[in-house]
Amino acid sequence: MNLRNSTRSLIFLICLIASANSIAQIKGDDGLTISGYVETYYSYDFNDPDNHFRPQFIYCYNRTNEVNVNLAMIKLSYSKKRGGGNLFWWGGK
């Protein structure tokens, strides 16, 4: 196994571990809750295209040979006895 293949294997393993759904939540005594979620993926195309794009089909994972964020979210929630509110941001591909 040469250095290039071992590097790819290591990157694949790291991405596989990192792609496990991560959820975090912090709740304070003041009624403010902060929540977050991140979803990553790694795609490898054995054809090894020069521009690192796969053809469009029924999936949106068209970037290849790199780690990408599929979805990232953060939510601020405020709750008290007489009212509250939510503020939610998300982004991704």
PDB file of N, CA and C in Angstrom:
ATOM      1  N   MET A   1       0.848  -1.170   0.000  1.00  0.00           N
ATOM      2  CA  MET A   1       0.000   0.000   0.000  1.00  0.00           C
ATOM      3  C   MET A   1       0.897   1.237   0.000  1.00  0.00           C
ATOM      4  N   ASN A   2       0.724   2.074  -0.985  1.00  0.00           N
ATOM      5  CA  ASN A   2       1.570   3.266  -1.065  1.00  0.00           C
ATOM      6  C   ASN A   2       1.003   4.397  -0.204  1.00  0.00           C
ATOM      7  N   LEU A   3       1.732   5.488  -0.159  1.00  0.00           N
ATOM      8  CA  LEU A   3       1.366   6.615   0.704  1.00  0.00           C
ATOM      9  C   LEU A   3       0.027   7.228   0.302  1.00  0.00           C
ATOM     10  N   ARG A   4      -0.228   7.308  -0.998  1.00  0.00           N
ATOM     11  CA  ARG A   4      -1.479   7.913  -1.460  1.00  0.00           C
ATOM     12  C   ARG A   4      -2.692   7.092  -1.010  1.00  0.00           C
ATOM     13  N   ASN A   5      -2.601   5.769  -1.146  1.00  0.00           N
ATOM     14  CA  ASN A   5      -3.721   4.922  -0.727  1.00  0.00           C
ATOM     15  C   ASN A   5      -3.901   4.933   0.781  1.00  0.00           C
ATOM     16  N   SER A   6      -2.798   4.946   1.522  1.00  0.00           N
ATOM     17  CA  SER A   6      -2.929   4.972   2.979  1.00  0.00           C
ATOM     18  C   SER A   6      -3.495   6.311   3.452  1.00  0.00           C
ATOM     19  N   THR A   7      -3.146   7.399   2.768  1.00  0.00           N
ATOM     20  CA  THR A   7      -3.709   8.704   3.108  1.00  0.00           C
ATOM     21  C   THR A   7      -5.210   8.719   2.836  1.00  0.00           C
ATOM     22  N   ARG A   8      -5.612   8.166   1.710  1.00  0.00           N
ATOM     23  CA  ARG A   8      -7.045   8.101   1.390  1.00  0.00           C
ATOM     24  C   ARG A   8      -7.790   7.236   2.399  1.00  0.00           C
ATOM     25  N   SER A   9      -7.177   6.127   2.789  1.00  0.00           N
ATOM     26  CA  SER A   9      -7.814   5.258   3.777  1.00  0.00           C
ATOM     27  C   SER A   9      -7.974   5.971   5.109  1.00  0.00           C
ATOM     28  N   LEU A  10      -6.962   6.722   5.506  1.00  0.00           N
ATOM     29  CA  LEU A  10      -7.032   7.469   6.756  1.00  0.00           C
ATOM     30  C   LEU A  10      -8.099   8.555   6.688  1.00  0.00           C
ATOM     31  N   ILE A  11      -8.158   9.283   5.579  1.00  0.00           N
ATOM     32  CA  ILE A  11      -9.180  10.320   5.403  1.00  0.00           C
ATOM     33  C   ILE A  11     -10.570   9.699   5.421  1.00  0.00           C
ATOM     34  N   PHE A  12     -10.716   8.552   4.753  1.00  0.00           N
ATOM     35  CA  PHE A  12     -12.007   7.863   4.731  1.00  0.00           C
ATOM     36  C   PHE A  12     -12.430   7.456   6.139  1.00  0.00           C
ATOM     37  N   LEU A  13     -11.496   6.917   6.920  1.00  0.00           N
ATOM     38  CA  LEU A  13     -11.806   6.500   8.281  1.00  0.00           C
ATOM     39  C   LEU A  13     -12.197   7.688   9.158  1.00  0.00           C
ATOM     40  N   ILE A  14     -11.464   8.784   9.035  1.00  0.00           N
ATOM     41  CA  ILE A  14     -11.786   9.988   9.808  1.00  0.00           C
ATOM     42  C   ILE A  14     -13.165  10.515   9.426  1.00  0.00           C
ATOM     43  N   CYS A  15     -13.465  10.531   8.129  1.00  0.00           N
ATOM     44  CA  CYS A  15     -14.768  11.028   7.674  1.00  0.00           C
ATOM     45  C   CYS A  15     -15.896  10.104   8.113  1.00  0.00           C
ATOM     46  N   LEU A  16     -15.621   8.809   8.131  1.00  0.00           N
ATOM     47  CA  LEU A  16     -16.632   7.856   8.562  1.00  0.00           C
ATOM     48  C   LEU A  16     -16.976   8.070  10.026  1.00  0.00           C
ATOM     49  N   ILE A  17     -15.960   8.285  10.832  1.00  0.00           N
ATOM     50  CA  ILE A  17     -16.192   8.542  12.251  1.00  0.00           C
ATOM     51  C   ILE A  17     -16.863   9.899  12.442  1.00  0.00           C
ATOM     52  N   ALA A  18     -16.415  10.906  11.689  1.00  0.00           N
ATOM     53  CA  ALA A  18     -16.962  12.259  11.837  1.00  0.00           C
ATOM     54  C   ALA A  18     -18.376  12.379  11.292  1.00  0.00           C
ATOM     55  N   SER A  19     -18.770  11.476  10.385  1.00  0.00           N
ATOM     56  CA  SER A  19     -20.091  11.596   9.776  1.00  0.00           C
ATOM     57  C   SER A  19     -21.200  11.062  10.666  1.00  0.00           C
ATOM     58  N   ALA A  20     -20.854  10.469  11.785  1.00  0.00           N
ATOM     59  CA  ALA A  20     -21.888  10.056  12.728  1.00  0.00           C
ATOM     60  C   ALA A  20     -22.644  11.310  13.161  1.00  0.00           C
ATOM     61  N   ASN A  21     -23.938  11.210  13.186  1.00  0.00           N
ATOM     62  CA  ASN A  21     -24.753  12.382  13.511  1.00  0.00           C
ATOM     63  C   ASN A  21     -24.369  12.931  14.873  1.00  0.00           C
ATOM     64  N   SER A  22     -24.030  14.197  14.912  1.00  0.00           N
ATOM     65  CA  SER A  22     -23.621  14.857  16.148  1.00  0.00           C
ATOM     66  C   SER A  22     -24.709  15.827  16.575  1.00  0.00           C
ATOM     67  N   ILE A  23     -25.142  15.690  17.799  1.00  0.00           N
ATOM     68  CA  ILE A  23     -26.175  16.568  18.332  1.00  0.00           C
ATOM     69  C   ILE A  23     -25.668  17.139  19.649  1.00  0.00           C
ATOM     70  N   ALA A  24     -25.809  18.443  19.822  1.00  0.00           N
ATOM     71  CA  ALA A  24     -25.379  19.092  21.062  1.00  0.00           C
ATOM     72  C   ALA A  24     -26.507  19.972  21.569  1.00  0.00           C
ATOM     73  N   GLN A  25     -26.580  20.090  22.876  1.00  0.00           N
ATOM     74  CA  GLN A  25     -27.613  20.934  23.457  1.00  0.00           C
ATOM     75  C   GLN A  25     -27.105  21.504  24.775  1.00  0.00           C
ATOM     76  N   ILE A  26     -27.291  22.797  24.956  1.00  0.00           N
ATOM     77  CA  ILE A  26     -26.916  23.485  26.189  1.00  0.00           C
ATOM     78  C   ILE A  26     -28.160  24.191  26.707  1.00  0.00           C
ATOM     79  N   LYS A  27     -28.510  23.945  27.958  1.00  0.00           N
ATOM     80  CA  LYS A  27     -29.690  24.603  28.535  1.00  0.00           C
ATOM     81  C   LYS A  27     -29.252  25.359  29.777  1.00  0.00           C
ATOM     82  N   GLY A  28     -29.557  26.642  29.789  1.00  0.00           N
ATOM     83  CA  GLY A  28     -29.232  27.480  30.939  1.00  0.00           C
ATOM     84  C   GLY A  28     -30.435  27.640  31.848  1.00  0.00           C
ATOM     85  N   ASP A  29     -30.224  28.204  33.002  1.00  0.00           N
ATOM     86  CA  ASP A  29     -31.310  28.443  33.955  1.00  0.00           C
ATOM     87  C   ASP A  29     -32.183  29.625  33.549  1.00  0.00           C
ATOM     88  N   ASP A  30     -31.722  30.419  32.627  1.00  0.00           N
ATOM     89  CA  ASP A  30     -32.461  31.616  32.226  1.00  0.00           C
ATOM     90  C   ASP A  30     -33.508  31.347  31.151  1.00  0.00           C
ATOM     91  N   GLY A  31     -33.756  30.083  30.788  1.00  0.00           N
ATOM     92  CA  GLY A  31     -34.752  29.750  29.782  1.00  0.00           C
ATOM     93  C   GLY A  31     -34.208  29.708  28.367  1.00  0.00           C
ATOM     94  N   LEU A  32     -32.924  29.975  28.180  1.00  0.00           N
ATOM     95  CA  LEU A  32     -32.312  29.966  26.852  1.00  0.00           C
ATOM     96  C   LEU A  32     -31.707  28.591  26.581  1.00  0.00           C
ATOM     97  N   THR A  33     -32.058  28.003  25.449  1.00  0.00           N
ATOM     98  CA  THR A  33     -31.520  26.709  25.033  1.00  0.00           C
ATOM     99  C   THR A  33     -30.827  26.882  23.692  1.00  0.00           C
ATOM    100  N   ILE A  34     -29.618  26.358  23.562  1.00  0.00           N
ATOM    101  CA  ILE A  34     -28.866  26.386  22.309  1.00  0.00           C
ATOM    102  C   ILE A  34     -28.690  24.948  21.851  1.00  0.00           C
ATOM    103  N   SER A  35     -29.131  24.654  20.627  1.00  0.00           N
ATOM    104  CA  SER A  35     -29.020  23.313  20.065  1.00  0.00           C
ATOM    105  C   SER A  35     -28.270  23.380  18.751  1.00  0.00           C
ATOM    106  N   GLY A  36     -27.589  22.292  18.392  1.00  0.00           N
ATOM    107  CA  GLY A  36     -26.880  22.245  17.128  1.00  0.00           C
ATOM    108  C   GLY A  36     -26.848  20.847  16.549  1.00  0.00           C
ATOM    109  N   TYR A  37     -26.638  20.766  15.235  1.00  0.00           N
ATOM    110  CA  TYR A  37     -26.596  19.491  14.522  1.00  0.00           C
ATOM    111  C   TYR A  37     -25.689  19.662  13.312  1.00  0.00           C
ATOM    112  N   VAL A  38     -24.809  18.682  13.063  1.00  0.00           N
ATOM    113  CA  VAL A  38     -23.926  18.719  11.897  1.00  0.00           C
ATOM    114  C   VAL A  38     -23.933  17.343  11.243  1.00  0.00           C
ATOM    115  N   GLU A  39     -24.054  17.331   9.910  1.00  0.00           N
ATOM    116  CA  GLU A  39     -24.026  16.085   9.150  1.00  0.00           C
ATOM    117  C   GLU A  39     -23.011  16.245   8.020  1.00  0.00           C
ATOM    118  N   THR A  40     -21.968  15.413   8.012  1.00  0.00           N
ATOM    119  CA  THR A  40     -20.917  15.487   6.999  1.00  0.00           C
ATOM    120  C   THR A  40     -20.906  14.218   6.159  1.00  0.00           C
ATOM    121  N   TYR A  41     -20.215  14.289   5.026  1.00  0.00           N
ATOM    122  CA  TYR A  41     -20.048  13.098   4.196  1.00  0.00           C
ATOM    123  C   TYR A  41     -18.747  13.186   3.416  1.00  0.00           C
ATOM    124  N   TYR A  42     -18.282  12.028   2.979  1.00  0.00           N
ATOM    125  CA  TYR A  42     -17.121  11.918   2.097  1.00  0.00           C
ATOM    126  C   TYR A  42     -17.518  10.997   0.961  1.00  0.00           C
ATOM    127  N   SER A  43     -17.251  11.420  -0.245  1.00  0.00           N
ATOM    128  CA  SER A  43     -17.583  10.633  -1.421  1.00  0.00           C
ATOM    129  C   SER A  43     -16.324  10.420  -2.244  1.00  0.00           C
ATOM    130  N   TYR A  44     -16.138   9.197  -2.732  1.00  0.00           N
ATOM    131  CA  TYR A  44     -14.976   8.898  -3.568  1.00  0.00           C
ATOM    132  C   TYR A  44     -15.450   8.306  -4.878  1.00  0.00           C
ATOM    133  N   ASP A  45     -14.982   8.856  -5.982  1.00  0.00           N
ATOM    134  CA  ASP A  45     -15.307   8.367  -7.313  1.00  0.00           C
ATOM    135  C   ASP A  45     -14.078   7.663  -7.869  1.00  0.00           C
ATOM    136  N   PHE A  46     -14.199   6.374  -8.165  1.00  0.00           N
ATOM    137  CA  PHE A  46     -13.065   5.605  -8.668  1.00  0.00           C
ATOM    138  C   PHE A  46     -12.638   6.030 -10.073  1.00  0.00           C
ATOM    139  N   ASN A  47     -13.476   6.774 -10.782  1.00  0.00           N
ATOM    140  CA  ASN A  47     -13.084   7.315 -12.089  1.00  0.00           C
ATOM    141  C   ASN A  47     -12.122   8.482 -11.945  1.00  0.00           C
ATOM    142  N   ASP A  48     -12.037   9.069 -10.757  1.00  0.00           N
ATOM    143  CA  ASP A  48     -11.123  10.162 -10.425  1.00  0.00           C
ATOM    144  C   ASP A  48     -11.220  11.329 -11.416  1.00  0.00           C
ATOM    145  N   PRO A  49     -12.384  12.014 -11.482  1.00  0.00           N
ATOM    146  CA  PRO A  49     -12.520  13.147 -12.405  1.00  0.00           C
ATOM    147  C   PRO A  49     -11.610  14.304 -12.006  1.00  0.00           C
ATOM    148  N   ASP A  50     -11.135  15.040 -13.001  1.00  0.00           N
ATOM    149  CA  ASP A  50     -10.207  16.147 -12.760  1.00  0.00           C
ATOM    150  C   ASP A  50     -10.850  17.302 -12.000  1.00  0.00           C
ATOM    151  N   ASN A  51     -12.120  17.572 -12.250  1.00  0.00           N
ATOM    152  CA  ASN A  51     -12.772  18.722 -11.611  1.00  0.00           C
ATOM    153  C   ASN A  51     -13.456  18.369 -10.286  1.00  0.00           C
ATOM    154  N   HIS A  52     -13.345  17.133  -9.824  1.00  0.00           N
ATOM    155  CA  HIS A  52     -13.914  16.660  -8.552  1.00  0.00           C
ATOM    156  C   HIS A  52     -15.436  16.754  -8.494  1.00  0.00           C
ATOM    157  N   PHE A  53     -16.099  16.685  -9.638  1.00  0.00           N
ATOM    158  CA  PHE A  53     -17.557  16.671  -9.678  1.00  0.00           C
ATOM    159  C   PHE A  53     -18.043  15.362 -10.266  1.00  0.00           C
ATOM    160  N   ARG A  54     -19.111  14.817  -9.677  1.00  0.00           N
ATOM    161  CA  ARG A  54     -19.785  13.657 -10.235  1.00  0.00           C
ATOM    162  C   ARG A  54     -20.964  14.157 -11.057  1.00  0.00           C
ATOM    163  N   PRO A  55     -21.440  13.357 -12.012  1.00  0.00           N
ATOM    164  CA  PRO A  55     -22.596  13.807 -12.794  1.00  0.00           C
ATOM    165  C   PRO A  55     -23.844  13.922 -11.920  1.00  0.00           C
ATOM    166  N   GLN A  56     -24.702  14.897 -12.244  1.00  0.00           N
ATOM    167  CA  GLN A  56     -25.952  15.078 -11.508  1.00  0.00           C
ATOM    168  C   GLN A  56     -26.891  13.918 -11.820  1.00  0.00           C
ATOM    169  N   PHE A  57     -27.533  13.411 -10.794  1.00  0.00           N
ATOM    170  CA  PHE A  57     -28.518  12.347 -10.976  1.00  0.00           C
ATOM    171  C   PHE A  57     -29.649  12.611  -9.999  1.00  0.00           C
ATOM    172  N   ILE A  58     -30.033  11.667  -9.187  1.00  0.00           N
ATOM    173  CA  ILE A  58     -31.100  11.891  -8.210  1.00  0.00           C
ATOM    174  C   ILE A  58     -30.540  12.182  -6.824  1.00  0.00           C
ATOM    175  N   TYR A  59     -29.289  12.469  -6.730  1.00  0.00           N
ATOM    176  CA  TYR A  59     -28.654  12.771  -5.450  1.00  0.00           C
ATOM    177  C   TYR A  59     -28.022  14.150  -5.528  1.00  0.00           C
ATOM    178  N   CYS A  60     -27.762  14.754  -4.387  1.00  0.00           N
ATOM    179  CA  CYS A  60     -27.126  16.067  -4.372  1.00  0.00           C
ATOM    180  C   CYS A  60     -25.655  15.974  -3.986  1.00  0.00           C
ATOM    181  N   TYR A  61     -25.155  14.761  -3.746  1.00  0.00           N
ATOM    182  CA  TYR A  61     -23.757  14.583  -3.363  1.00  0.00           C
ATOM    183  C   TYR A  61     -22.904  14.484  -4.624  1.00  0.00           C
ATOM    184  N   ASN A  62     -22.662  15.599  -5.293  1.00  0.00           N
ATOM    185  CA  ASN A  62     -21.942  15.548  -6.559  1.00  0.00           C
ATOM    186  C   ASN A  62     -20.473  15.907  -6.436  1.00  0.00           C
ATOM    187  N   ARG A  63     -19.993  16.316  -5.257  1.00  0.00           N
ATOM    188  CA  ARG A  63     -18.570  16.592  -5.037  1.00  0.00           C
ATOM    189  C   ARG A  63     -17.894  15.288  -4.655  1.00  0.00           C
ATOM    190  N   THR A  64     -16.702  15.040  -5.179  1.00  0.00           N
ATOM    191  CA  THR A  64     -16.016  13.785  -4.905  1.00  0.00           C
ATOM    192  C   THR A  64     -14.597  14.034  -4.406  1.00  0.00           C
ATOM    193  N   ASN A  65     -14.066  13.074  -3.681  1.00  0.00           N
ATOM    194  CA  ASN A  65     -12.697  13.092  -3.143  1.00  0.00           C
ATOM    195  C   ASN A  65     -12.469  14.229  -2.157  1.00  0.00           C
ATOM    196  N   GLU A  66     -13.488  14.613  -1.407  1.00  0.00           N
ATOM    197  CA  GLU A  66     -13.333  15.646  -0.387  1.00  0.00           C
ATOM    198  C   GLU A  66     -14.436  15.524   0.661  1.00  0.00           C
ATOM    199  N   VAL A  67     -14.159  16.063   1.827  1.00  0.00           N
ATOM    200  CA  VAL A  67     -15.134  16.072   2.914  1.00  0.00           C
ATOM    201  C   VAL A  67     -16.046  17.278   2.728  1.00  0.00           C
ATOM    202  N   ASN A  68     -17.346  17.068   2.875  1.00  0.00           N
ATOM    203  CA  ASN A  68     -18.323  18.145   2.714  1.00  0.00           C
ATOM    204  C   ASN A  68     -19.338  18.113   3.843  1.00  0.00           C
ATOM    205  N   VAL A  69     -19.954  19.245   4.088  1.00  0.00           N
ATOM    206  CA  VAL A  69     -21.034  19.340   5.065  1.00  0.00           C
ATOM    207  C   VAL A  69     -22.347  19.225   4.311  1.00  0.00           C
ATOM    208  N   ASN A  70     -23.142  18.228   4.657  1.00  0.00           N
ATOM    209  CA  ASN A  70     -24.438  18.068   4.034  1.00  0.00           C
ATOM    210  C   ASN A  70     -25.454  19.012   4.673  1.00  0.00           C
ATOM    211  N   LEU A  71     -25.438  19.080   5.999  1.00  0.00           N
ATOM    212  CA  LEU A  71     -26.395  19.916   6.701  1.00  0.00           C
ATOM    213  C   LEU A  71     -25.799  20.347   8.032  1.00  0.00           C
ATOM    214  N   ALA A  72     -25.923  21.623   8.353  1.00  0.00           N
ATOM    215  CA  ALA A  72     -25.493  22.152   9.647  1.00  0.00           C
ATOM    216  C   ALA A  72     -26.595  23.079  10.155  1.00  0.00           C
ATOM    217  N   MET A  73     -26.956  22.901  11.423  1.00  0.00           N
ATOM    218  CA  MET A  73     -28.045  23.691  11.993  1.00  0.00           C
ATOM    219  C   MET A  73     -27.661  24.185  13.382  1.00  0.00           C
ATOM    220  N   ILE A  74     -28.191  25.339  13.742  1.00  0.00           N
ATOM    221  CA  ILE A  74     -28.082  25.854  15.107  1.00  0.00           C
ATOM    222  C   ILE A  74     -29.418  26.512  15.459  1.00  0.00           C
ATOM    223  N   LYS A  75     -29.861  26.260  16.674  1.00  0.00           N
ATOM    224  CA  LYS A  75     -31.169  26.756  17.112  1.00  0.00           C
ATOM    225  C   LYS A  75     -31.030  27.412  18.480  1.00  0.00           C
ATOM    226  N   LEU A  76     -31.585  28.597  18.601  1.00  0.00           N
ATOM    227  CA  LEU A  76     -31.688  29.301  19.874  1.00  0.00           C
ATOM    228  C   LEU A  76     -33.163  29.306  20.264  1.00  0.00           C
ATOM    229  N   SER A  77     -33.444  28.847  21.461  1.00  0.00           N
ATOM    230  CA  SER A  77     -34.819  28.779  21.930  1.00  0.00           C
ATOM    231  C   SER A  77     -34.914  29.457  23.288  1.00  0.00           C
ATOM    232  N   TYR A  78     -35.910  30.316  23.436  1.00  0.00           N
ATOM    233  CA  TYR A  78     -36.126  31.028  24.695  1.00  0.00           C
ATOM    234  C   TYR A  78     -37.520  30.685  25.193  1.00  0.00           C
ATOM    235  N   SER A  79     -37.603  30.235  26.441  1.00  0.00           N
ATOM    236  CA  SER A  79     -38.890  29.825  26.978  1.00  0.00           C
ATOM    237  C   SER A  79     -39.024  30.275  28.429  1.00  0.00           C
ATOM    238  N   LYS A  80     -40.086  30.984  28.692  1.00  0.00           N
ATOM    239  CA  LYS A  80     -40.464  31.406  30.043  1.00  0.00           C
ATOM    240  C   LYS A  80     -41.940  31.066  30.246  1.00  0.00           C
ATOM    241  N   LYS A  81     -42.449  31.325  31.436  1.00  0.00           N
ATOM    242  CA  LYS A  81     -43.840  30.976  31.747  1.00  0.00           C
ATOM    243  C   LYS A  81     -44.837  31.693  30.839  1.00  0.00           C
ATOM    244  N   ARG A  82     -44.563  32.938  30.516  1.00  0.00           N
ATOM    245  CA  ARG A  82     -45.540  33.737  29.775  1.00  0.00           C
ATOM    246  C   ARG A  82     -45.245  33.854  28.288  1.00  0.00           C
ATOM    247  N   GLY A  83     -44.204  33.202  27.796  1.00  0.00           N
ATOM    248  CA  GLY A  83     -43.915  33.307  26.372  1.00  0.00           C
ATOM    249  C   GLY A  83     -42.541  32.761  26.037  1.00  0.00           C
ATOM    250  N   GLY A  84     -42.209  32.884  24.784  1.00  0.00           N
ATOM    251  CA  GLY A  84     -40.916  32.390  24.333  1.00  0.00           C
ATOM    252  C   GLY A  84     -40.770  32.584  22.841  1.00  0.00           C
ATOM    253  N   GLY A  85     -39.703  32.039  22.305  1.00  0.00           N
ATOM    254  CA  GLY A  85     -39.473  32.156  20.871  1.00  0.00           C
ATOM    255  C   GLY A  85     -38.335  31.256  20.425  1.00  0.00           C
ATOM    256  N   ASN A  86     -38.235  31.071  19.123  1.00  0.00           N
ATOM    257  CA  ASN A  86     -37.195  30.243  18.522  1.00  0.00           C
ATOM    258  C   ASN A  86     -36.523  31.004  17.394  1.00  0.00           C
ATOM    259  N   LEU A  87     -35.224  30.817  17.273  1.00  0.00           N
ATOM    260  CA  LEU A  87     -34.446  31.363  16.164  1.00  0.00           C
ATOM    261  C   LEU A  87     -33.601  30.216  15.635  1.00  0.00           C
ATOM    262  N   PHE A  88     -33.699  29.945  14.338  1.00  0.00           N
ATOM    263  CA  PHE A  88     -33.129  28.738  13.760  1.00  0.00           C
ATOM    264  C   PHE A  88     -32.366  29.084  12.489  1.00  0.00           C
ATOM    265  N   TRP A  89     -31.106  28.683  12.407  1.00  0.00           N
ATOM    266  CA  TRP A  89     -30.299  28.850  11.197  1.00  0.00           C
ATOM    267  C   TRP A  89     -29.892  27.478  10.698  1.00  0.00           C
ATOM    268  N   TRP A  90     -29.874  27.311   9.377  1.00  0.00           N
ATOM    269  CA  TRP A  90     -29.375  26.071   8.801  1.00  0.00           C
ATOM    270  C   TRP A  90     -28.676  26.386   7.491  1.00  0.00           C
ATOM    271  N   GLY A  91     -27.817  25.505   7.098  1.00  0.00           N
ATOM    272  CA  GLY A  91     -27.105  25.654   5.839  1.00  0.00           C
ATOM    273  C   GLY A  91     -26.497  24.327   5.433  1.00  0.00           C
ATOM    274  N   GLY A  92     -26.125  24.249   4.201  1.00  0.00           N
ATOM    275  CA  GLY A  92     -25.519  23.027   3.685  1.00  0.00           C
ATOM    276  C   GLY A  92     -25.822  22.864   2.218  1.00  0.00           C
ATOM    277  N   LYS A  93     -25.516  21.735   1.724  1.00  0.00           N
ATOM    278  CA  LYS A  93     -25.696  21.443   0.311  1.00  0.00           C
ATOM    279  C   LYS A  93     -26.896  20.576   0.133  1.00  0.00           C
TER     280      LYS A  93
END
